[in-house]
Amino acid sequence: MNDYRFTNIDQEPSDEQLSQLMHEVAVEAKERYEKAHAAYFAQIRQMVQAL
């Protein structure tokens, strides 16, 4: 989503641009969640093994 810059206060983003941006943010958020979730449970497994 490099077509629109939010620093341009003279032009509103189109509905299509906003939709694309929201989609990209959702995909990135899901990827970050899955990575954090996996790391969290890997850490728990390590802690359990250390007991």
Protein backbone atom coordinates (compact mmCIF):
# COMPACT_ATOMS: atom_id res chain seq x y z
CA MET A 1 0.00 0.00 0.00
CA ASN A 2 2.41 2.62 -1.19
CA ASP A 3 -0.06 4.56 -3.33
CA TYR A 4 -1.42 6.71 -0.53
CA ARG A 5 0.38 8.75 2.10
CA PHE A 6 -1.55 9.69 5.22
CA THR A 7 0.51 12.85 5.54
CA ASN A 8 -1.38 14.32 2.57
CA ILE A 9 -4.16 16.21 4.34
CA ASP A 10 -5.56 17.64 1.10
CA GLN A 11 -6.68 14.27 -0.30
CA GLU A 12 -8.81 11.63 1.38
CA PRO A 13 -8.03 7.98 0.66
CA SER A 14 -10.51 6.16 -1.52
CA ASP A 15 -12.66 3.36 -0.14
CA GLU A 16 -10.57 0.91 -2.14
CA GLN A 17 -7.34 2.27 -0.63
CA LEU A 18 -8.75 2.07 2.89
CA SER A 19 -9.99 -1.45 2.29
CA GLN A 20 -6.60 -2.55 0.99
CA LEU A 21 -4.82 -0.92 3.93
CA MET A 22 -7.12 -2.60 6.45
CA HIS A 23 -6.56 -5.95 4.75
CA GLU A 24 -2.77 -5.55 4.88
CA VAL A 25 -2.88 -4.52 8.54
CA ALA A 26 -5.07 -7.52 9.38
CA VAL A 27 -2.71 -9.92 7.61
CA GLU A 28 0.31 -8.45 9.40
CA ALA A 29 -1.48 -8.57 12.77
CA LYS A 30 -2.38 -12.22 12.24
CA GLU A 31 1.21 -13.10 11.33
CA ARG A 32 2.56 -11.30 14.41
CA TYR A 33 -0.02 -12.99 16.64
CA GLU A 34 0.84 -16.44 15.32
CA LYS A 35 4.56 -15.83 15.82
CA ALA A 36 4.06 -14.53 19.36
CA HIS A 37 1.67 -17.37 20.19
CA ALA A 38 4.18 -19.99 19.01
CA ALA A 39 7.02 -18.33 20.92
CA TYR A 40 4.94 -18.15 24.10
CA PHE A 41 4.06 -21.83 24.07
CA ALA A 42 7.63 -22.79 23.15
CA GLN A 43 8.78 -20.88 26.22
CA ILE A 44 6.19 -22.65 28.38
CA ARG A 45 7.35 -26.03 27.07
CA GLN A 46 10.95 -25.14 27.95
CA MET A 47 9.91 -24.11 31.45
CA VAL A 48 8.00 -27.36 31.97
CA GLN A 49 10.96 -29.42 30.80
CA ALA A 50 13.23 -27.57 33.22
CA LEU A 51 11.08 -28.68 36.16
